């Protein structure tokens, strides 16, 4: 979702190819196009770039005029730092609360680790919005917003937080036409991934 959302919001043309998961085989078919055997993977000519954050960094280099990171060096460093935290952290939240556009929202009791993740995300969003004035984490939409976008779904469908920062950032993301298109496509998908059906 993350690179897809960023490219749509920043009007970077691309061709999407949906390759369904095959959990029984460990998604071995991903090896045909992705060096890591994972998705997403951006193919640009002979170059294959896997991993969401690496793709977003590549897009920022490839299209500097699209301003995918904040122009200010300090804000850019902070945006990259929280994006790295999103990429590698929040394991409790990921494990207990998978993103699922088709799930009917309902309360889910979560463990201490996932709750700590929610608290940290609330803190990040609140601090960023307080400094930037919103509507996105650094004012204008950037890669950091794309990195945290999947959390918006988790906060909503599991009723994880109702802080002002979560409400504000979630509202800004959900108003994007790209988000609405992704959500509609997610709800229409015919595939079920059992581990995502909490």
Foldseek 3Di string as FASTA:
>chain_A
DLVLLLCVVLVPDDDDDDDDADVVVPQCVLVVQAVVSDDDWDDDPPDIRHDRVRSQVVVCVVCVVSCQAPPDPVRRVVLVVVLVCLRPHLVQCCQQFPQALQAAADADDGDPSNLVSVVVVLVQLVVQCVVCVDLASNHDHHSSLSSCQSVLRRCGRNVNDDDPSSVSNSVVSCPDVSNVVVSVVRNVDPDDDPSNPD
